[in-house]
Amino acid sequence: MVWLRRLLYANVAGDLLLWDLLDALSGVAEYAARWAVWTATMVLLVRALAGVPARFRIIAIGLGLAGVLAAALRPFAGSPLLTTLFLLGLATVACKAMIIAGQRRDERFSAVTVAIGWTALLVPQIYALLQVGRLTFDGLSLAMALDALVVVWAARTAHELAAAPGPAVAPPGIGRTPRLLAAAVVLVLPMAVVGAEGDARLTYTAADEGCRDRLRPATGLGPGLGPAERRRSFLCLARGETFAADSMFPEDLADQRVLAYGAQLCALPGEQERHALHKRAGGTGDTIELTAALEYLCPGIVARQNADADRRQAERDLQEATWKAEANARCADPWPKVRARRQGTAAYMLSEGGGYAVFDDRDDSGGDPGDIYGDGDDVADIFDAVEDGFIDAAGSSAAIVTYGENAPMCLTVKAFDRAPPLRLTGWDQVVEVGIASRSGHLGVPAYPKGGDGGATGPLPDLAIAGPGHYRLRVHARTLPSDENDPDAPLEEHLIIVYPGRSTEKVVYRPRG
């Protein structure tokens, strides 16, 4: 009984730490030690059960030894023999079931211990049956929980054997225990020259670029793909090169682990979560490549991802539309009594450095239309405008300096058939220059077409007379801050455009 308790505690220590330490040194040593300890524990525990007939013990030990024999021969077996050995391996499960059933008859063991034993034994078998024909999570969390139950069962069994000793008379045949233990060790010895059972089952599909040509579409018309073909198709893409000239998953990752990671990736709600898990698995490749591969494992993921992307884009569009509406609502026509042929008012989002352009957006004779950072003589230059202190005009464009940057300002544009009255009251600067329109269009950039700056509302074409020459009168002023609205614009501009051939620059009100 003492040796049985020692072996049970050895099983506990092994599951908690020793097997992992041995596996780090040698998978062969870990495999052999684990089965040797189990064999000896099984024989002694069956023989120590009270309240069971001798035939029960013989059958339980026979099943246990058959399972050990199957484990010892599995690494040497070819494919035709694997099925037979698998069936023999089930004998270990049957032996454990008989041991737990025997504990139920033995008054030394509590109902809790028996219940823990049944749970640790049966749940893995039920879980394995549920996995047949389909892919889910790799079960790592479940396996860890069940391993913990096995440890608890072994520890409670050893404790209860010590707390409530069995009958004084040992079961018949107990004297033959040393010979049985020796036989068990002999059966386990062949395992010392082979690798672990878990290693023998792992597969590593080699990268094959040609397999891509044989892939059937993941979805669409025609007969559907079976589970096996879906897994093979996923592995084909997972083992192939990505745009980054590397495999989607590490080459030293077994197929079973790649498939398990794929199943977990399928279950995640968004591409950011999938990207994070893929990176933790050592994978490479962009979102498009990964999604295309996962479409084989979890059909419909592309449709769901597109639907999620459309939903997020709709939310962003709504937020932007709301922001634009609120910004435009803060701006009003500063000259409402004078109606122009065309006019409009909107908030204008200034980019870094400030400034904006009025230009012919269809005239590319001087380069990129509206590029006020160019260095050509036929286009306006914002740096020349800064040097001037307000405005620079050349060809079909004008660059205007602003007081602020990275903030909205209010902009009103008005196009007249002839020169309107001059209005200076209330403005800090008023300057008029000449500008041309070769295509018959003049305007300011819209947000975000002009980059990170532009008008957040619709503004009209200011070239009301079509192609030709125009006069551009620009008014600018700062606005007082609003304590009740910290986002209110602090700057306002008014642009007046009317036909006129003069190119003379007139400063009606310089900056004070």
Protein backbone atom coordinates (compact mmCIF):
# COMPACT_ATOMS: atom_id res chain seq x y z
CA MET A 1 0.00 0.00 0.00
CA VAL A 2 2.88 2.36 0.75
CA TRP A 3 4.35 1.83 -2.71
CA LEU A 4 0.96 2.41 -4.31
CA ARG A 5 0.59 5.73 -2.53
CA ARG A 6 4.13 6.68 -3.55
CA LEU A 7 3.34 5.88 -7.18
CA LEU A 8 0.12 7.89 -7.05
CA TYR A 9 2.00 10.87 -5.69
CA ALA A 10 4.64 10.29 -8.39
CA ASN A 11 1.84 10.61 -10.95
CA VAL A 12 0.78 13.87 -9.31
CA ALA A 13 4.35 15.21 -9.31
CA GLY A 14 4.79 14.09 -12.91
CA ASP A 15 1.67 15.85 -14.17
CA LEU A 16 2.54 19.01 -12.26
CA LEU A 17 6.23 19.31 -13.16
CA LEU A 18 8.38 16.21 -13.69
CA TRP A 19 7.04 15.18 -17.10
CA ASP A 20 7.67 18.68 -18.48
CA LEU A 21 11.22 18.67 -17.09
CA LEU A 22 11.90 15.25 -18.61
CA ASP A 23 10.38 16.30 -21.93
CA ALA A 24 12.73 19.29 -22.04
CA LEU A 25 15.66 16.86 -21.74
CA SER A 26 14.29 14.05 -23.89
CA GLY A 27 10.85 13.32 -25.27
CA VAL A 28 11.76 9.63 -25.29
CA ALA A 29 12.62 9.62 -21.59
CA GLU A 30 9.42 11.47 -20.69
CA TYR A 31 7.28 9.06 -22.72
CA ALA A 32 8.88 5.96 -21.21
CA ALA A 33 8.81 7.26 -17.62
CA ARG A 34 5.16 8.34 -17.85
CA TRP A 35 3.99 4.91 -19.09
CA ALA A 36 6.23 3.00 -16.66
CA VAL A 37 4.80 4.86 -13.66
CA TRP A 38 1.25 4.41 -14.98
CA THR A 39 1.77 0.66 -15.50
CA ALA A 40 3.05 0.07 -11.99
CA THR A 41 0.33 2.31 -10.48
CA MET A 42 -2.40 0.55 -12.47
CA VAL A 43 -1.35 -2.95 -11.38
CA LEU A 44 -1.05 -2.06 -7.69
CA LEU A 45 -4.25 0.01 -7.62
CA VAL A 46 -6.35 -2.72 -9.25
CA ARG A 47 -5.02 -5.31 -6.80
CA ALA A 48 -5.64 -2.97 -3.84
CA LEU A 49 -9.33 -2.44 -4.63
CA ALA A 50 -11.60 -3.96 -2.02
CA GLY A 51 -15.05 -5.39 -2.73
CA VAL A 52 -14.36 -6.53 -6.31
CA PRO A 53 -14.03 -10.17 -7.46
CA ALA A 54 -10.80 -11.68 -8.74
CA ARG A 55 -12.19 -11.86 -12.29
CA PHE A 56 -12.71 -8.08 -12.16
CA ARG A 57 -9.04 -7.58 -11.26
CA ILE A 58 -7.82 -9.93 -13.98
CA ILE A 59 -9.85 -8.19 -16.69
CA ALA A 60 -8.80 -4.69 -15.51
CA ILE A 61 -5.10 -5.60 -15.42
CA GLY A 62 -5.38 -7.33 -18.80
CA LEU A 63 -6.94 -4.27 -20.37
CA GLY A 64 -4.35 -2.00 -18.78
CA LEU A 65 -1.43 -4.09 -20.06
CA ALA A 66 -3.00 -4.26 -23.53
CA GLY A 67 -3.14 -0.47 -23.60
CA VAL A 68 0.51 -0.26 -22.53
CA LEU A 69 1.48 -2.75 -25.26
CA ALA A 70 -0.37 -0.67 -27.88
CA ALA A 71 1.44 2.48 -26.75
CA ALA A 72 4.79 0.67 -26.91
CA LEU A 73 4.22 -0.67 -30.44
CA ARG A 74 2.55 2.38 -31.99
CA PRO A 75 5.78 4.13 -33.12
CA PHE A 76 6.84 0.97 -35.01
CA ALA A 77 3.50 0.44 -36.75
CA GLY A 78 2.71 1.31 -40.36
CA SER A 79 -0.63 2.67 -41.54
CA PRO A 80 -2.43 -0.73 -41.84
CA LEU A 81 -1.68 -1.58 -38.19
CA LEU A 82 -2.52 1.82 -36.71
CA THR A 83 -6.26 1.11 -36.54
CA THR A 84 -5.68 -2.10 -34.59
CA LEU A 85 -3.33 -0.35 -32.19
CA PHE A 86 -5.83 2.47 -31.77
CA LEU A 87 -8.47 -0.05 -30.69
CA LEU A 88 -5.98 -1.65 -28.32
CA GLY A 89 -5.21 1.81 -26.97
CA LEU A 90 -8.86 2.13 -25.96
CA ALA A 91 -8.13 -0.67 -23.52
CA THR A 92 -6.38 1.91 -21.32
CA VAL A 93 -9.59 3.90 -21.15
CA ALA A 94 -11.55 0.76 -20.28
CA CYS A 95 -9.02 -0.13 -17.56
CA LYS A 96 -9.32 3.33 -16.00
CA ALA A 97 -13.12 3.03 -16.13
CA MET A 98 -12.94 -0.28 -14.26
CA ILE A 99 -10.63 1.24 -11.64
CA ILE A 100 -13.06 4.11 -10.99
CA ALA A 101 -15.98 1.67 -10.93
CA GLY A 102 -14.03 -0.41 -8.40
CA GLN A 103 -13.43 2.68 -6.27
CA ARG A 104 -17.18 3.20 -6.12
CA ARG A 105 -17.52 -0.26 -4.54
CA ASP A 106 -14.62 0.33 -2.18
CA GLU A 107 -15.84 2.16 0.95
CA ARG A 108 -12.44 3.79 1.44
CA PHE A 109 -13.03 6.16 -1.49
CA SER A 110 -15.47 9.06 -1.30
CA ALA A 111 -18.17 9.87 -3.84
CA VAL A 112 -16.34 13.12 -4.68
CA THR A 113 -13.19 11.24 -5.68
CA VAL A 114 -15.21 8.87 -7.85
CA ALA A 115 -17.05 11.79 -9.50
CA ILE A 116 -13.76 13.57 -10.23
CA GLY A 117 -12.39 10.37 -11.74
CA TRP A 118 -15.39 9.88 -14.04
CA THR A 119 -15.23 13.52 -15.16
CA ALA A 120 -11.52 13.40 -15.94
CA LEU A 121 -11.99 10.14 -17.88
CA LEU A 122 -15.21 10.66 -19.84
CA VAL A 123 -15.15 14.35 -20.82
CA PRO A 124 -12.07 13.96 -23.10
CA GLN A 125 -13.73 11.00 -24.86
CA ILE A 126 -16.97 12.93 -25.43
CA TYR A 127 -15.00 15.98 -26.61
CA ALA A 128 -13.04 13.84 -29.09
CA LEU A 129 -16.28 12.41 -30.52
CA LEU A 130 -17.68 15.91 -30.99
CA GLN A 131 -14.64 16.88 -33.07
CA VAL A 132 -15.16 14.17 -35.70
CA GLY A 133 -15.72 15.76 -39.11
CA ARG A 134 -15.31 19.37 -38.05
CA LEU A 135 -12.78 21.87 -36.75
CA THR A 136 -13.12 23.91 -33.55
CA PHE A 137 -10.68 25.27 -31.00
CA ASP A 138 -7.63 23.16 -30.25
CA GLY A 139 -9.00 22.41 -26.78
CA LEU A 140 -5.92 23.67 -24.93
CA SER A 141 -7.91 25.27 -22.09
CA LEU A 142 -10.11 22.18 -21.76
CA ALA A 143 -7.10 19.87 -21.71
CA MET A 144 -5.42 21.91 -18.98
CA ALA A 145 -8.58 21.80 -16.86
CA LEU A 146 -8.94 18.03 -17.26
CA ASP A 147 -5.25 17.47 -16.50
CA ALA A 148 -5.85 19.32 -13.26
CA LEU A 149 -8.76 16.97 -12.46
CA VAL A 150 -6.53 13.94 -13.06
CA VAL A 151 -4.02 15.35 -10.59
CA VAL A 152 -6.78 15.95 -8.03
CA TRP A 153 -8.14 12.41 -8.52
CA ALA A 154 -4.71 10.81 -8.02
CA ALA A 155 -3.96 12.93 -4.94
CA ARG A 156 -7.34 12.19 -3.33
CA THR A 157 -6.97 8.47 -4.10
CA ALA A 158 -3.57 8.38 -2.37
CA HIS A 159 -4.87 10.39 0.59
CA GLU A 160 -7.93 8.22 1.12
CA LEU A 161 -5.88 5.04 0.92
CA ALA A 162 -3.86 6.34 3.88
CA ALA A 163 -6.80 7.78 5.82
CA ALA A 164 -8.96 4.65 5.69
CA PRO A 165 -6.89 1.49 5.49
CA GLY A 166 -8.51 -1.48 3.80
CA PRO A 167 -9.03 -5.00 5.12
CA ALA A 168 -6.27 -6.56 7.12
CA VAL A 169 -6.12 -9.57 4.82
CA ALA A 170 -4.53 -8.79 1.54
CA PRO A 171 -6.28 -9.91 -1.63
CA PRO A 172 -5.17 -13.28 -2.97
CA GLY A 173 -2.06 -13.24 -5.11
CA ILE A 174 -0.61 -10.05 -3.66
CA GLY A 175 2.72 -11.82 -3.24
CA ARG A 176 3.11 -12.01 -7.00
CA THR A 177 3.17 -8.19 -7.25
CA PRO A 178 6.98 -7.92 -7.75
CA ARG A 179 6.79 -10.32 -10.69
CA LEU A 180 3.93 -8.37 -12.26
CA LEU A 181 5.79 -5.09 -11.80
CA ALA A 182 8.84 -6.58 -13.47
CA ALA A 183 6.70 -7.75 -16.37
CA ALA A 184 5.21 -4.27 -16.72
CA VAL A 185 8.65 -2.67 -16.81
CA VAL A 186 9.75 -5.13 -19.50
CA LEU A 187 6.74 -4.18 -21.59
CA VAL A 188 7.55 -0.49 -21.29
CA LEU A 189 11.28 -0.80 -22.07
CA PRO A 190 10.83 -0.86 -25.89
CA MET A 191 9.45 2.66 -25.64
CA ALA A 192 12.87 3.92 -24.54
CA VAL A 193 14.16 3.76 -28.13
CA VAL A 194 11.29 5.60 -29.85
CA GLY A 195 9.86 9.08 -29.80
CA ALA A 196 6.79 10.19 -27.93
CA GLU A 197 3.36 9.19 -29.17
CA GLY A 198 2.33 12.81 -29.58
CA ASP A 199 5.33 13.53 -31.80
CA ALA A 200 4.59 10.48 -33.97
CA ARG A 201 1.12 11.81 -34.84
CA LEU A 202 2.24 15.28 -35.96
CA THR A 203 2.49 16.08 -39.67
CA TYR A 204 4.26 18.87 -41.50
CA THR A 205 2.94 19.70 -44.96
CA ALA A 206 5.73 20.99 -47.18
CA ALA A 207 5.29 24.25 -49.06
CA ASP A 208 3.97 23.58 -52.56
CA GLU A 209 3.32 26.58 -54.80
CA GLY A 210 1.79 24.26 -57.37
CA CYS A 211 -1.05 23.39 -55.01
CA ARG A 212 -2.50 26.87 -55.52
CA ASP A 213 -3.25 26.00 -59.15
CA ARG A 214 -5.28 23.01 -58.00
CA LEU A 215 -7.37 24.87 -55.45
CA ARG A 216 -11.10 24.93 -56.00
CA PRO A 217 -12.98 28.12 -55.07
CA ALA A 218 -13.87 28.27 -51.40
CA THR A 219 -17.39 29.41 -52.25
CA GLY A 220 -19.56 29.71 -55.34
CA LEU A 221 -21.37 27.49 -57.78
CA GLY A 222 -20.69 23.78 -58.14
CA PRO A 223 -20.38 21.02 -55.56
CA GLY A 224 -19.27 22.12 -52.13
CA LEU A 225 -15.92 21.25 -50.60
CA GLY A 226 -15.74 18.56 -47.95
CA PRO A 227 -14.06 19.12 -44.56
CA ALA A 228 -10.90 17.26 -45.59
CA GLU A 229 -10.47 19.25 -48.80
CA ARG A 230 -11.07 22.50 -46.94
CA ARG A 231 -8.32 21.64 -44.48
CA ARG A 232 -5.92 20.70 -47.29
CA SER A 233 -6.72 23.92 -49.14
CA PHE A 234 -6.11 25.98 -46.01
CA LEU A 235 -2.78 24.24 -45.40
CA CYS A 236 -1.80 24.88 -49.03
CA LEU A 237 -2.17 28.64 -48.53
CA ALA A 238 -0.85 28.58 -44.96
CA ARG A 239 2.37 26.85 -46.07
CA GLY A 240 2.84 28.96 -49.21
CA GLU A 241 4.71 32.23 -49.64
CA THR A 242 3.00 35.52 -48.83
CA PHE A 243 3.58 38.90 -50.46
CA ALA A 244 6.31 39.37 -47.85
CA ALA A 245 8.17 36.35 -49.33
CA ASP A 246 7.66 34.29 -46.19
CA SER A 247 5.28 31.50 -45.21
CA MET A 248 1.98 32.46 -43.60
CA PHE A 249 2.76 30.22 -40.59
CA PRO A 250 6.17 29.06 -39.30
CA GLU A 251 7.51 25.98 -41.07
CA ASP A 252 8.27 24.24 -37.75
CA LEU A 253 4.61 24.51 -36.67
CA ALA A 254 2.81 21.17 -37.12
CA ASP A 255 -0.22 20.95 -39.40
CA GLN A 256 -2.40 20.17 -36.40
CA ARG A 257 -1.33 23.38 -34.69
CA VAL A 258 -1.77 25.42 -37.88
CA LEU A 259 -5.32 24.06 -38.24
CA ALA A 260 -6.02 24.74 -34.57
CA TYR A 261 -4.82 28.33 -34.94
CA GLY A 262 -6.99 28.64 -38.05
CA ALA A 263 -10.05 27.50 -36.09
CA GLN A 264 -9.33 30.06 -33.38
CA LEU A 265 -8.83 32.80 -35.98
CA CYS A 266 -12.21 31.94 -37.52
CA ALA A 267 -13.93 32.45 -34.18
CA LEU A 268 -12.48 35.93 -33.52
CA PRO A 269 -14.81 38.87 -34.21
CA GLY A 270 -12.57 41.27 -36.13
CA GLU A 271 -9.46 41.50 -38.27
CA GLN A 272 -7.48 43.31 -35.56
CA GLU A 273 -8.00 40.42 -33.14
CA ARG A 274 -7.10 37.93 -35.90
CA HIS A 275 -3.97 39.88 -36.79
CA ALA A 276 -2.86 39.91 -33.14
CA LEU A 277 -3.33 36.12 -32.74
CA HIS A 278 -1.69 35.43 -36.10
CA LYS A 279 1.32 37.49 -35.02
CA ARG A 280 1.53 35.63 -31.68
CA ALA A 281 1.57 32.37 -33.63
CA GLY A 282 4.66 33.61 -35.51
CA GLY A 283 2.73 34.15 -38.74
CA THR A 284 3.30 36.69 -41.50
CA GLY A 285 1.10 38.02 -44.28
CA ASP A 286 -1.44 40.77 -44.69
CA THR A 287 -5.13 40.71 -43.82
CA ILE A 288 -6.24 39.90 -47.39
CA GLU A 289 -4.00 36.82 -47.61
CA LEU A 290 -5.04 35.51 -44.20
CA THR A 291 -8.73 36.06 -44.89
CA ALA A 292 -8.49 34.26 -48.24
CA ALA A 293 -6.97 31.23 -46.50
CA LEU A 294 -9.50 31.26 -43.66
CA GLU A 295 -12.37 31.27 -46.18
CA TYR A 296 -11.66 27.54 -46.65
CA LEU A 297 -11.86 26.76 -42.93
CA CYS A 298 -14.82 29.00 -42.12
CA PRO A 299 -16.81 29.85 -45.26
CA GLY A 300 -18.48 33.22 -45.10
CA ILE A 301 -15.71 35.00 -43.22
CA VAL A 302 -15.06 37.27 -46.22
CA ALA A 303 -18.74 38.22 -46.41
CA ARG A 304 -18.82 38.88 -42.66
CA GLN A 305 -15.62 40.90 -42.84
CA ASN A 306 -16.95 42.97 -45.75
CA ALA A 307 -20.20 43.53 -43.88
CA ASP A 308 -18.25 44.65 -40.81
CA ALA A 309 -16.10 46.95 -42.95
CA ASP A 310 -19.20 48.46 -44.60
CA ARG A 311 -20.79 48.96 -41.19
CA ARG A 312 -17.68 50.67 -39.80
CA GLN A 313 -17.40 52.86 -42.91
CA ALA A 314 -21.06 53.84 -42.59
CA GLU A 315 -20.43 54.80 -38.96
CA ARG A 316 -17.40 56.89 -39.99
CA ASP A 317 -19.38 58.55 -42.78
CA LEU A 318 -22.16 59.41 -40.36
CA GLN A 319 -19.70 60.85 -37.84
CA GLU A 320 -18.01 62.91 -40.56
CA ALA A 321 -21.34 64.15 -41.92
CA THR A 322 -22.40 65.17 -38.42
CA TRP A 323 -19.09 66.95 -37.84
CA LYS A 324 -19.36 68.80 -41.15
CA ALA A 325 -22.95 69.85 -40.45
CA GLU A 326 -22.01 71.17 -37.02
CA ALA A 327 -18.99 73.05 -38.42
CA ASN A 328 -21.01 74.59 -41.27
CA ALA A 329 -23.76 75.64 -38.84
CA ARG A 330 -21.22 77.88 -37.05
CA CYS A 331 -20.64 79.95 -40.19
CA ALA A 332 -22.93 82.59 -41.76
CA ASP A 333 -22.82 85.01 -44.73
CA PRO A 334 -20.95 88.15 -43.52
CA TRP A 335 -22.54 90.25 -46.29
CA PRO A 336 -26.14 89.02 -46.43
CA LYS A 337 -27.69 92.19 -47.84
CA VAL A 338 -25.81 91.87 -51.13
CA ARG A 339 -26.91 88.84 -53.12
CA ALA A 340 -24.53 87.51 -55.75
CA ARG A 341 -25.31 85.48 -58.85
CA ARG A 342 -23.60 82.53 -57.18
CA GLN A 343 -22.64 82.31 -53.55
CA GLY A 344 -22.08 79.91 -50.69
CA THR A 345 -20.82 79.71 -47.10
CA ALA A 346 -19.08 76.79 -45.43
CA ALA A 347 -16.50 75.90 -42.82
CA TYR A 348 -13.02 75.43 -44.27
CA MET A 349 -10.67 73.05 -42.47
CA LEU A 350 -7.14 74.44 -42.54
CA SER A 351 -4.27 71.98 -42.72
CA GLU A 352 -0.86 72.16 -41.10
CA GLY A 353 0.77 75.47 -41.91
CA GLY A 354 -2.55 77.06 -42.84
CA GLY A 355 -3.34 78.76 -46.11
CA TYR A 356 -5.57 77.76 -49.02
CA ALA A 357 -5.93 78.23 -52.77
CA VAL A 358 -8.46 79.56 -55.28
CA PHE A 359 -7.74 77.93 -58.63
CA ASP A 360 -8.96 76.42 -61.87
CA ASP A 361 -9.17 72.75 -60.91
CA ARG A 362 -9.22 71.65 -64.57
CA ASP A 363 -6.14 73.56 -65.69
CA ASP A 364 -2.98 71.48 -65.44
CA SER A 365 -0.85 73.61 -67.75
CA GLY A 366 1.26 74.75 -64.78
CA GLY A 367 1.36 71.35 -63.07
CA ASP A 368 -0.93 69.91 -60.44
CA PRO A 369 -3.99 72.22 -60.15
CA GLY A 370 -4.12 73.87 -56.76
CA ASP A 371 -0.56 72.89 -55.79
CA ILE A 372 0.40 76.07 -53.99
CA TYR A 373 3.66 74.49 -52.81
CA GLY A 374 5.11 74.21 -56.33
CA ASP A 375 7.89 76.36 -57.74
CA GLY A 376 6.60 77.15 -61.24
CA ASP A 377 6.16 80.68 -62.51
CA ASP A 378 2.65 79.97 -63.83
CA VAL A 379 1.17 78.94 -60.48
CA ALA A 380 0.69 80.71 -57.17
CA ASP A 381 3.15 79.93 -54.39
CA ILE A 382 2.14 79.94 -50.71
CA PHE A 383 5.68 80.93 -49.71
CA ASP A 384 5.46 84.01 -51.93
CA ALA A 385 2.10 84.73 -50.30
CA VAL A 386 3.72 84.51 -46.87
CA GLU A 387 6.44 86.88 -48.01
CA ASP A 388 3.77 89.26 -49.35
CA GLY A 389 1.89 89.00 -46.09
CA PHE A 390 -1.39 87.85 -47.57
CA ILE A 391 -1.74 86.69 -51.18
CA ASP A 392 0.13 85.55 -54.30
CA ALA A 393 -1.54 85.15 -57.71
CA ALA A 394 -0.18 83.67 -60.93
CA GLY A 395 -1.94 82.20 -63.94
CA SER A 396 -5.11 80.41 -62.93
CA SER A 397 -4.41 80.17 -59.20
CA ALA A 398 -4.08 82.27 -56.08
CA ALA A 399 -2.54 81.32 -52.72
CA ILE A 400 -3.92 83.02 -49.61
CA VAL A 401 -2.29 83.06 -46.18
CA THR A 402 -4.43 82.48 -43.07
CA TYR A 403 -3.89 83.49 -39.47
CA GLY A 404 -4.47 79.97 -38.11
CA GLU A 405 -3.77 76.34 -38.98
CA ASN A 406 -5.15 72.89 -38.14
CA ALA A 407 -8.51 74.49 -37.34
CA PRO A 408 -11.70 75.42 -39.16
CA MET A 409 -12.39 78.93 -40.45
CA CYS A 410 -15.52 80.37 -42.05
CA LEU A 411 -15.37 80.99 -45.79
CA THR A 412 -17.96 82.76 -47.94
CA VAL A 413 -17.63 83.04 -51.75
CA LYS A 414 -19.67 85.33 -54.02
CA ALA A 415 -19.54 85.58 -57.83
CA PHE A 416 -20.88 88.74 -59.52
CA ASP A 417 -21.42 89.71 -63.15
CA ARG A 418 -19.69 93.05 -62.46
CA ALA A 419 -17.68 94.65 -59.68
CA PRO A 420 -19.74 94.96 -56.48
CA PRO A 421 -19.42 97.85 -54.02
CA LEU A 422 -16.23 97.89 -51.99
CA ARG A 423 -16.79 96.81 -48.42
CA LEU A 424 -14.01 97.47 -45.93
CA THR A 425 -15.81 97.90 -42.62
CA GLY A 426 -15.06 95.15 -40.15
CA TRP A 427 -12.26 93.52 -42.17
CA ASP A 428 -8.59 93.31 -41.19
CA GLN A 429 -7.29 92.88 -44.74
CA VAL A 430 -8.78 93.42 -48.19
CA VAL A 431 -6.70 92.79 -51.33
CA GLU A 432 -7.72 92.35 -54.99
CA VAL A 433 -5.68 90.53 -57.66
CA GLY A 434 -6.18 89.22 -61.17
CA ILE A 435 -6.74 85.52 -61.92
CA ALA A 436 -7.52 83.54 -65.08
CA SER A 437 -9.68 80.51 -65.79
CA ARG A 438 -8.67 78.53 -68.87
CA SER A 439 -11.37 75.87 -68.47
CA GLY A 440 -14.20 78.03 -67.17
CA HIS A 441 -13.94 76.84 -63.55
CA LEU A 442 -12.72 78.56 -60.41
CA GLY A 443 -13.13 77.40 -56.85
CA VAL A 444 -11.62 76.24 -53.57
CA PRO A 445 -10.81 72.59 -52.77
CA ALA A 446 -13.43 70.47 -51.02
CA TYR A 447 -12.69 68.40 -47.95
CA PRO A 448 -10.95 65.94 -48.13
CA LYS A 449 -10.09 66.12 -51.84
CA GLY A 450 -7.58 68.84 -51.09
CA GLY A 451 -5.71 66.59 -48.67
CA ASP A 452 -6.32 67.26 -45.01
CA GLY A 453 -7.77 70.70 -45.74
CA GLY A 454 -10.81 71.88 -47.65
CA ALA A 455 -14.36 73.19 -47.54
CA THR A 456 -16.69 70.97 -45.52
CA GLY A 457 -19.75 72.14 -47.47
CA PRO A 458 -20.59 72.68 -51.15
CA LEU A 459 -19.34 75.93 -52.67
CA PRO A 460 -20.17 77.08 -56.23
CA ASP A 461 -18.02 77.56 -59.32
CA LEU A 462 -16.95 81.18 -59.32
CA ALA A 463 -16.13 81.55 -63.04
CA ILE A 464 -19.63 82.69 -63.98
CA ALA A 465 -18.58 84.00 -67.42
CA GLY A 466 -16.75 80.83 -68.43
CA PRO A 467 -13.10 80.85 -69.58
CA GLY A 468 -11.41 84.22 -69.27
CA HIS A 469 -9.96 86.73 -66.84
CA TYR A 470 -11.41 87.62 -63.46
CA ARG A 471 -10.76 89.88 -60.50
CA LEU A 472 -10.39 88.18 -57.11
CA ARG A 473 -11.08 90.30 -54.01
CA VAL A 474 -10.20 88.62 -50.71
CA HIS A 475 -11.37 89.83 -47.28
CA ALA A 476 -9.92 88.39 -44.04
CA ARG A 477 -10.45 88.98 -40.32
CA THR A 478 -10.09 87.27 -36.97
CA LEU A 479 -13.14 86.40 -34.86
CA PRO A 480 -13.53 86.67 -31.08
CA SER A 481 -13.46 83.44 -29.13
CA ASP A 482 -16.72 82.00 -27.85
CA GLU A 483 -16.53 80.78 -24.26
CA ASN A 484 -19.66 78.68 -24.78
CA ASP A 485 -18.30 77.02 -27.94
CA PRO A 486 -14.58 76.20 -27.83
CA ASP A 487 -14.77 74.75 -31.38
CA ALA A 488 -16.10 77.95 -32.94
CA PRO A 489 -13.92 79.29 -35.81
CA LEU A 490 -11.54 82.13 -34.97
CA GLU A 491 -11.07 83.37 -38.54
CA GLU A 492 -13.32 84.39 -41.44
CA HIS A 493 -12.67 85.06 -45.15
CA LEU A 494 -14.91 86.53 -47.85
CA ILE A 495 -14.00 85.99 -51.52
CA ILE A 496 -15.49 88.20 -54.24
CA VAL A 497 -15.04 87.21 -57.93
CA TYR A 498 -16.19 89.12 -61.02
CA PRO A 499 -15.02 89.33 -64.65
CA GLY A 500 -12.11 91.72 -65.29
CA ARG A 501 -8.98 91.73 -67.45
CA SER A 502 -6.71 93.71 -65.14
CA THR A 503 -3.86 91.81 -63.47
CA GLU A 504 -3.00 94.69 -61.17
CA LYS A 505 -2.78 94.00 -57.48
CA VAL A 506 -4.74 96.49 -55.34
CA VAL A 507 -4.36 96.60 -51.55
CA TYR A 508 -7.50 98.20 -50.18
CA ARG A 509 -6.70 97.47 -46.56
CA PRO A 510 -3.29 96.15 -45.51
CA ARG A 511 -2.84 94.08 -42.45
CA GLY A 512 -2.52 96.36 -39.44
